[in-house]
PDB file of N, CA and C in Angstrom:
ATOM      1  N   UNK A   1     113.668 121.175  79.701  1.00  0.00           N
ATOM      2  CA  UNK A   1     114.446 120.323  80.591  1.00  0.00           C
ATOM      3  C   UNK A   1     113.954 118.885  80.447  1.00  0.00           C
ATOM      4  N   UNK A   2     114.868 117.987  80.243  1.00  0.00           N
ATOM      5  CA  UNK A   2     114.527 116.573  80.082  1.00  0.00           C
ATOM      6  C   UNK A   2     114.294 115.929  81.447  1.00  0.00           C
ATOM      7  N   UNK A   3     113.429 114.931  81.454  1.00  0.00           N
ATOM      8  CA  UNK A   3     113.142 114.182  82.687  1.00  0.00           C
ATOM      9  C   UNK A   3     114.304 113.247  82.962  1.00  0.00           C
ATOM     10  N   UNK A   4     114.877 113.249  84.187  1.00  0.00           N
ATOM     11  CA  UNK A   4     116.011 112.360  84.496  1.00  0.00           C
ATOM     12  C   UNK A   4     115.626 110.888  84.296  1.00  0.00           C
ATOM     13  N   UNK A   5     116.425 110.173  83.553  1.00  0.00           N
ATOM     14  CA  UNK A   5     116.100 108.782  83.212  1.00  0.00           C
ATOM     15  C   UNK A   5     116.226 107.828  84.395  1.00  0.00           C
ATOM     16  N   UNK A   6     116.933 108.219  85.449  1.00  0.00           N
ATOM     17  CA  UNK A   6     117.119 107.324  86.595  1.00  0.00           C
ATOM     18  C   UNK A   6     115.962 107.401  87.594  1.00  0.00           C
ATOM     19  N   UNK A   7     115.002 108.300  87.393  1.00  0.00           N
ATOM     20  CA  UNK A   7     113.850 108.425  88.279  1.00  0.00           C
ATOM     21  C   UNK A   7     112.620 107.788  87.648  1.00  0.00           C
ATOM     22  N   UNK A   8     111.796 107.135  88.467  1.00  0.00           N
ATOM     23  CA  UNK A   8     110.572 106.553  87.906  1.00  0.00           C
ATOM     24  C   UNK A   8     109.632 107.668  87.450  1.00  0.00           C
ATOM     25  N   UNK A   9     108.905 107.412  86.380  1.00  0.00           N
ATOM     26  CA  UNK A   9     107.930 108.374  85.874  1.00  0.00           C
ATOM     27  C   UNK A   9     106.815 108.536  86.883  1.00  0.00           C
ATOM     28  N   UNK A  10     106.271 109.718  86.981  1.00  0.00           N
ATOM     29  CA  UNK A  10     105.160 110.015  87.884  1.00  0.00           C
ATOM     30  C   UNK A  10     103.992 110.520  87.048  1.00  0.00           C
ATOM     31  N   UNK A  11     102.791 110.271  87.542  1.00  0.00           N
ATOM     32  CA  UNK A  11     101.580 110.751  86.899  1.00  0.00           C
ATOM     33  C   UNK A  11     100.885 111.688  87.869  1.00  0.00           C
ATOM     34  N   UNK A  12     100.476 112.831  87.390  1.00  0.00           N
ATOM     35  CA  UNK A  12      99.785 113.792  88.240  1.00  0.00           C
ATOM     36  C   UNK A  12      98.289 113.671  87.991  1.00  0.00           C
ATOM     37  N   UNK A  13      97.534 113.551  89.093  1.00  0.00           N
ATOM     38  CA  UNK A  13      96.083 113.421  89.006  1.00  0.00           C
ATOM     39  C   UNK A  13      95.445 114.442  89.933  1.00  0.00           C
ATOM     40  N   UNK A  14      94.198 114.765  89.665  1.00  0.00           N
ATOM     41  CA  UNK A  14      93.427 115.636  90.556  1.00  0.00           C
ATOM     42  C   UNK A  14      92.373 114.786  91.237  1.00  0.00           C
ATOM     43  N   UNK A  15      92.010 115.165  92.466  1.00  0.00           N
ATOM     44  CA  UNK A  15      90.934 114.478  93.162  1.00  0.00           C
ATOM     45  C   UNK A  15      89.894 115.500  93.604  1.00  0.00           C
ATOM     46  N   UNK A  16      88.699 115.026  93.818  1.00  0.00           N
ATOM     47  CA  UNK A  16      87.614 115.871  94.293  1.00  0.00           C
ATOM     48  C   UNK A  16      87.206 115.394  95.677  1.00  0.00           C
ATOM     49  N   UNK A  17      87.152 116.324  96.631  1.00  0.00           N
ATOM     50  CA  UNK A  17      86.792 116.002  98.007  1.00  0.00           C
ATOM     51  C   UNK A  17      85.678 116.910  98.484  1.00  0.00           C
ATOM     52  N   UNK A  18      84.886 116.399  99.391  1.00  0.00           N
ATOM     53  CA  UNK A  18      83.929 117.247 100.084  1.00  0.00           C
ATOM     54  C   UNK A  18      84.707 118.139 101.051  1.00  0.00           C
ATOM     55  N   UNK A  19      84.193 119.305 101.385  1.00  0.00           N
ATOM     56  CA  UNK A  19      84.930 120.223 102.275  1.00  0.00           C
ATOM     57  C   UNK A  19      85.362 119.588 103.602  1.00  0.00           C
ATOM     58  N   UNK A  20      84.516 118.766 104.212  1.00  0.00           N
ATOM     59  CA  UNK A  20      84.879 118.141 105.483  1.00  0.00           C
ATOM     60  C   UNK A  20      86.053 117.171 105.311  1.00  0.00           C
ATOM     61  N   UNK A  21      86.057 116.407 104.214  1.00  0.00           N
ATOM     62  CA  UNK A  21      87.169 115.490 103.962  1.00  0.00           C
ATOM     63  C   UNK A  21      88.458 116.268 103.732  1.00  0.00           C
ATOM     64  N   UNK A  22      88.371 117.375 103.018  1.00  0.00           N
ATOM     65  CA  UNK A  22      89.549 118.213 102.770  1.00  0.00           C
ATOM     66  C   UNK A  22      90.108 118.756 104.084  1.00  0.00           C
ATOM     67  N   UNK A  23      89.224 119.207 104.946  1.00  0.00           N
ATOM     68  CA  UNK A  23      89.648 119.732 106.241  1.00  0.00           C
ATOM     69  C   UNK A  23      90.309 118.653 107.086  1.00  0.00           C
ATOM     70  N   UNK A  24      89.716 117.464 107.104  1.00  0.00           N
ATOM     71  CA  UNK A  24      90.274 116.357 107.869  1.00  0.00           C
ATOM     72  C   UNK A  24      91.629 115.934 107.297  1.00  0.00           C
ATOM     73  N   UNK A  25      91.751 115.917 105.975  1.00  0.00           N
ATOM     74  CA  UNK A  25      93.021 115.581 105.333  1.00  0.00           C
ATOM     75  C   UNK A  25      94.088 116.608 105.711  1.00  0.00           C
ATOM     76  N   UNK A  26      93.744 117.889 105.670  1.00  0.00           N
ATOM     77  CA  UNK A  26      94.694 118.932 106.042  1.00  0.00           C
ATOM     78  C   UNK A  26      95.178 118.753 107.478  1.00  0.00           C
ATOM     79  N   UNK A  27      94.251 118.472 108.382  1.00  0.00           N
ATOM     80  CA  UNK A  27      94.604 118.270 109.789  1.00  0.00           C
ATOM     81  C   UNK A  27      95.542 117.074 109.940  1.00  0.00           C
ATOM     82  N   UNK A  28      95.212 115.980 109.264  1.00  0.00           N
ATOM     83  CA  UNK A  28      96.037 114.768 109.338  1.00  0.00           C
ATOM     84  C   UNK A  28      97.434 115.028 108.782  1.00  0.00           C
ATOM     85  N   UNK A  29      97.513 115.708 107.667  1.00  0.00           N
ATOM     86  CA  UNK A  29      98.815 116.010 107.063  1.00  0.00           C
ATOM     87  C   UNK A  29      99.643 116.920 107.961  1.00  0.00           C
ATOM     88  N   UNK A  30      98.995 117.924 108.538  1.00  0.00           N
ATOM     89  CA  UNK A  30      99.699 118.839 109.440  1.00  0.00           C
ATOM     90  C   UNK A  30     100.275 118.094 110.640  1.00  0.00           C
ATOM     91  N   UNK A  31      99.497 117.166 111.210  1.00  0.00           N
ATOM     92  CA  UNK A  31      99.961 116.389 112.365  1.00  0.00           C
ATOM     93  C   UNK A  31     101.200 115.572 112.028  1.00  0.00           C
ATOM     94  N   UNK A  32     101.267 115.084 110.810  1.00  0.00           N
ATOM     95  CA  UNK A  32     102.347 114.189 110.410  1.00  0.00           C
ATOM     96  C   UNK A  32     103.483 114.896 109.667  1.00  0.00           C
ATOM     97  N   UNK A  33     103.287 116.177 109.399  1.00  0.00           N
ATOM     98  CA  UNK A  33     104.323 116.923 108.693  1.00  0.00           C
ATOM     99  C   UNK A  33     104.486 116.475 107.250  1.00  0.00           C
ATOM    100  N   UNK A  34     103.392 116.078 106.644  1.00  0.00           N
ATOM    101  CA  UNK A  34     103.422 115.600 105.263  1.00  0.00           C
ATOM    102  C   UNK A  34     102.591 116.517 104.382  1.00  0.00           C
ATOM    103  N   UNK A  35     102.923 116.545 103.112  1.00  0.00           N
ATOM    104  CA  UNK A  35     102.098 117.294 102.177  1.00  0.00           C
ATOM    105  C   UNK A  35     100.857 116.471 101.834  1.00  0.00           C
ATOM    106  N   UNK A  36      99.838 117.155 101.358  1.00  0.00           N
ATOM    107  CA  UNK A  36      98.628 116.449 100.947  1.00  0.00           C
ATOM    108  C   UNK A  36      98.907 115.553  99.744  1.00  0.00           C
ATOM    109  N   UNK A  37      99.786 115.979  98.865  1.00  0.00           N
ATOM    110  CA  UNK A  37     100.139 115.164  97.700  1.00  0.00           C
ATOM    111  C   UNK A  37     100.829 113.877  98.148  1.00  0.00           C
ATOM    112  N   UNK A  38     101.778 113.982  99.070  1.00  0.00           N
ATOM    113  CA  UNK A  38     102.483 112.789  99.559  1.00  0.00           C
ATOM    114  C   UNK A  38     101.519 111.840 100.252  1.00  0.00           C
ATOM    115  N   UNK A  39     100.633 112.379 101.074  1.00  0.00           N
ATOM    116  CA  UNK A  39      99.674 111.550 101.798  1.00  0.00           C
ATOM    117  C   UNK A  39      98.728 110.831 100.852  1.00  0.00           C
ATOM    118  N   UNK A  40      98.121 111.569  99.933  1.00  0.00           N
ATOM    119  CA  UNK A  40      97.169 110.929  99.016  1.00  0.00           C
ATOM    120  C   UNK A  40      97.875 109.948  98.088  1.00  0.00           C
ATOM    121  N   UNK A  41      99.102 110.237  97.704  1.00  0.00           N
ATOM    122  CA  UNK A  41      99.854 109.289  96.876  1.00  0.00           C
ATOM    123  C   UNK A  41     100.071 107.970  97.608  1.00  0.00           C
ATOM    124  N   UNK A  42     100.449 108.050  98.874  1.00  0.00           N
ATOM    125  CA  UNK A  42     100.664 106.830  99.665  1.00  0.00           C
ATOM    126  C   UNK A  42      99.368 106.062  99.863  1.00  0.00           C
ATOM    127  N   UNK A  43      98.279 106.777 100.086  1.00  0.00           N
ATOM    128  CA  UNK A  43      96.986 106.108 100.263  1.00  0.00           C
ATOM    129  C   UNK A  43      96.589 105.367  98.985  1.00  0.00           C
ATOM    130  N   UNK A  44      96.720 106.023  97.844  1.00  0.00           N
ATOM    131  CA  UNK A  44      96.355 105.390  96.572  1.00  0.00           C
ATOM    132  C   UNK A  44      97.261 104.198  96.285  1.00  0.00           C
ATOM    133  N   UNK A  45      98.557 104.346  96.524  1.00  0.00           N
ATOM    134  CA  UNK A  45      99.483 103.230  96.303  1.00  0.00           C
ATOM    135  C   UNK A  45      99.139 102.051  97.206  1.00  0.00           C
ATOM    136  N   UNK A  46      98.811 102.317  98.481  1.00  0.00           N
ATOM    137  CA  UNK A  46      98.407 101.255  99.404  1.00  0.00           C
ATOM    138  C   UNK A  46      97.137 100.569  98.887  1.00  0.00           C
ATOM    139  N   UNK A  47      96.145 101.356  98.512  1.00  0.00           N
ATOM    140  CA  UNK A  47      94.876 100.814  98.037  1.00  0.00           C
ATOM    141  C   UNK A  47      95.085  99.894  96.835  1.00  0.00           C
ATOM    142  N   UNK A  48      95.909 100.317  95.902  1.00  0.00           N
ATOM    143  CA  UNK A  48      96.141  99.522  94.687  1.00  0.00           C
ATOM    144  C   UNK A  48      96.828  98.193  94.969  1.00  0.00           C
ATOM    145  N   UNK A  49      97.541  98.092  96.076  1.00  0.00           N
ATOM    146  CA  UNK A  49      98.227  96.851  96.443  1.00  0.00           C
ATOM    147  C   UNK A  49      97.319  95.869  97.175  1.00  0.00           C
ATOM    148  N   UNK A  50      96.126  96.309  97.565  1.00  0.00           N
ATOM    149  CA  UNK A  50      95.219  95.448  98.322  1.00  0.00           C
ATOM    150  C   UNK A  50      94.486  94.491  97.396  1.00  0.00           C
ATOM    151  N   UNK A  51      94.035  93.363  97.969  1.00  0.00           N
ATOM    152  CA  UNK A  51      93.287  92.405  97.168  1.00  0.00           C
ATOM    153  C   UNK A  51      91.863  92.915  96.943  1.00  0.00           C
ATOM    154  N   UNK A  52      91.116  92.201  96.117  1.00  0.00           N
ATOM    155  CA  UNK A  52      89.770  92.630  95.741  1.00  0.00           C
ATOM    156  C   UNK A  52      88.832  92.762  96.932  1.00  0.00           C
ATOM    157  N   UNK A  53      88.952  91.868  97.913  1.00  0.00           N
ATOM    158  CA  UNK A  53      88.061  91.900  99.077  1.00  0.00           C
ATOM    159  C   UNK A  53      88.283  93.181  99.876  1.00  0.00           C
ATOM    160  N   UNK A  54      89.541  93.524 100.108  1.00  0.00           N
ATOM    161  CA  UNK A  54      89.868  94.731 100.870  1.00  0.00           C
ATOM    162  C   UNK A  54      89.450  95.973 100.088  1.00  0.00           C
ATOM    163  N   UNK A  55      89.744  96.003  98.791  1.00  0.00           N
ATOM    164  CA  UNK A  55      89.361  97.157  97.980  1.00  0.00           C
ATOM    165  C   UNK A  55      87.850  97.373  98.006  1.00  0.00           C
ATOM    166  N   UNK A  56      87.095  96.294  97.846  1.00  0.00           N
ATOM    167  CA  UNK A  56      85.635  96.414  97.856  1.00  0.00           C
ATOM    168  C   UNK A  56      85.128  96.900  99.216  1.00  0.00           C
ATOM    169  N   UNK A  57      85.761  96.451 100.295  1.00  0.00           N
ATOM    170  CA  UNK A  57      85.364  96.884 101.638  1.00  0.00           C
ATOM    171  C   UNK A  57      85.660  98.373 101.828  1.00  0.00           C
ATOM    172  N   UNK A  58      86.833  98.810 101.400  1.00  0.00           N
ATOM    173  CA  UNK A  58      87.204 100.220 101.527  1.00  0.00           C
ATOM    174  C   UNK A  58      86.253 101.094 100.719  1.00  0.00           C
ATOM    175  N   UNK A  59      85.833 100.605  99.573  1.00  0.00           N
ATOM    176  CA  UNK A  59      84.928 101.365  98.713  1.00  0.00           C
ATOM    177  C   UNK A  59      83.468 101.287  99.161  1.00  0.00           C
ATOM    178  N   UNK A  60      83.200 100.486 100.196  1.00  0.00           N
ATOM    179  CA  UNK A  60      81.835 100.373 100.707  1.00  0.00           C
ATOM    180  C   UNK A  60      80.901  99.641  99.767  1.00  0.00           C
ATOM    181  N   UNK A  61      81.426  98.656  99.054  1.00  0.00           N
ATOM    182  CA  UNK A  61      80.630  97.934  98.056  1.00  0.00           C
ATOM    183  C   UNK A  61      79.836  96.765  98.622  1.00  0.00           C
ATOM    184  N   UNK A  62      80.122  96.377  99.858  1.00  0.00           N
ATOM    185  CA  UNK A  62      79.391  95.262 100.455  1.00  0.00           C
ATOM    186  C   UNK A  62      78.100  95.768 101.091  1.00  0.00           C
ATOM    187  N   UNK A  63      77.033  94.963 101.006  1.00  0.00           N
ATOM    188  CA  UNK A  63      75.768  95.379 101.612  1.00  0.00           C
ATOM    189  C   UNK A  63      75.870  95.411 103.139  1.00  0.00           C
ATOM    190  N   UNK A  64      75.004  96.219 103.746  1.00  0.00           N
ATOM    191  CA  UNK A  64      75.012  96.388 105.206  1.00  0.00           C
ATOM    192  C   UNK A  64      74.888  95.069 105.960  1.00  0.00           C
ATOM    193  N   UNK A  65      74.121  94.132 105.425  1.00  0.00           N
ATOM    194  CA  UNK A  65      73.859  92.901 106.170  1.00  0.00           C
ATOM    195  C   UNK A  65      75.070  91.986 106.307  1.00  0.00           C
ATOM    196  N   UNK A  66      76.134  92.212 105.543  1.00  0.00           N
ATOM    197  CA  UNK A  66      77.333  91.379 105.719  1.00  0.00           C
ATOM    198  C   UNK A  66      78.526  92.166 106.255  1.00  0.00           C
ATOM    199  N   UNK A  67      78.346  93.430 106.549  1.00  0.00           N
ATOM    200  CA  UNK A  67      79.475  94.249 107.024  1.00  0.00           C
ATOM    201  C   UNK A  67      80.097  93.722 108.308  1.00  0.00           C
ATOM    202  N   UNK A  68      79.296  93.104 109.165  1.00  0.00           N
ATOM    203  CA  UNK A  68      79.845  92.548 110.408  1.00  0.00           C
ATOM    204  C   UNK A  68      80.805  91.389 110.115  1.00  0.00           C
ATOM    205  N   UNK A  69      80.627  90.741 108.970  1.00  0.00           N
ATOM    206  CA  UNK A  69      81.480  89.611 108.582  1.00  0.00           C
ATOM    207  C   UNK A  69      82.745  90.051 107.846  1.00  0.00           C
ATOM    208  N   UNK A  70      82.839  91.317 107.493  1.00  0.00           N
ATOM    209  CA  UNK A  70      83.967  91.791 106.687  1.00  0.00           C
ATOM    210  C   UNK A  70      85.336  91.541 107.311  1.00  0.00           C
ATOM    211  N   UNK A  71      85.544  91.828 108.586  1.00  0.00           N
ATOM    212  CA  UNK A  71      86.886  91.561 109.136  1.00  0.00           C
ATOM    213  C   UNK A  71      87.309  90.104 108.969  1.00  0.00           C
ATOM    214  N   UNK A  72      86.378  89.186 109.197  1.00  0.00           N
ATOM    215  CA  UNK A  72      86.697  87.759 109.033  1.00  0.00           C
ATOM    216  C   UNK A  72      86.988  87.449 107.570  1.00  0.00           C
ATOM    217  N   UNK A  73      86.189  87.994 106.657  1.00  0.00           N
ATOM    218  CA  UNK A  73      86.402  87.776 105.223  1.00  0.00           C
ATOM    219  C   UNK A  73      87.772  88.294 104.795  1.00  0.00           C
ATOM    220  N   UNK A  74      88.118  89.468 105.281  1.00  0.00           N
ATOM    221  CA  UNK A  74      89.398  90.074 104.908  1.00  0.00           C
ATOM    222  C   UNK A  74      90.561  89.247 105.454  1.00  0.00           C
ATOM    223  N   UNK A  75      90.476  88.846 106.708  1.00  0.00           N
ATOM    224  CA  UNK A  75      91.550  88.033 107.289  1.00  0.00           C
ATOM    225  C   UNK A  75      91.703  86.701 106.566  1.00  0.00           C
ATOM    226  N   UNK A  76      90.578  86.077 106.202  1.00  0.00           N
ATOM    227  CA  UNK A  76      90.657  84.811 105.448  1.00  0.00           C
ATOM    228  C   UNK A  76      91.287  85.023 104.080  1.00  0.00           C
ATOM    229  N   UNK A  77      90.934  86.107 103.399  1.00  0.00           N
ATOM    230  CA  UNK A  77      91.500  86.351 102.071  1.00  0.00           C
ATOM    231  C   UNK A  77      92.996  86.621 102.162  1.00  0.00           C
ATOM    232  N   UNK A  78      93.420  87.330 103.198  1.00  0.00           N
ATOM    233  CA  UNK A  78      94.852  87.590 103.388  1.00  0.00           C
ATOM    234  C   UNK A  78      95.585  86.291 103.716  1.00  0.00           C
ATOM    235  N   UNK A  79      94.993  85.459 104.571  1.00  0.00           N
ATOM    236  CA  UNK A  79      95.607  84.177 104.914  1.00  0.00           C
ATOM    237  C   UNK A  79      95.741  83.286 103.690  1.00  0.00           C
ATOM    238  N   UNK A  80      94.725  83.263 102.845  1.00  0.00           N
ATOM    239  CA  UNK A  80      94.760  82.446 101.630  1.00  0.00           C
ATOM    240  C   UNK A  80      95.850  82.935 100.681  1.00  0.00           C
ATOM    241  N   UNK A  81      96.052  84.235 100.603  1.00  0.00           N
ATOM    242  CA  UNK A  81      97.115  84.784  99.747  1.00  0.00           C
ATOM    243  C   UNK A  81      98.484  84.381 100.259  1.00  0.00           C
ATOM    244  N   UNK A  82      98.653  84.300 101.562  1.00  0.00           N
ATOM    245  CA  UNK A  82      99.949  83.947 102.148  1.00  0.00           C
ATOM    246  C   UNK A  82     100.292  82.485 101.883  1.00  0.00           C
ATOM    247  N   UNK A  83      99.280  81.626 101.684  1.00  0.00           N
ATOM    248  CA  UNK A  83      99.512  80.203 101.434  1.00  0.00           C
ATOM    249  C   UNK A  83     100.040  79.958 100.017  1.00  0.00           C
ATOM    250  N   UNK A  84      99.764  80.865  99.123  1.00  0.00           N
ATOM    251  CA  UNK A  84     100.146  80.684  97.724  1.00  0.00           C
ATOM    252  C   UNK A  84     101.611  80.883  97.517  1.00  0.00           C
TER     253      UNK A  84
END
């Protein structure tokens, strides 16, 4: 069967989760009536659209001593993007 040309191509990926994260994801999906694939796809798509500051914050790449400043840093970076 050929892939319909009017639909965007999709890529299938696997993820690895700790058991507690998997359980929490299942609970969240059940509450919202969404599949785990749909939920994780939306999360990844959202993450990829974020700027470098937000991505680094989500990934926990900033040292503990500046974490209190992160909300201000993120808001400033978003404001600067809106000016462009």
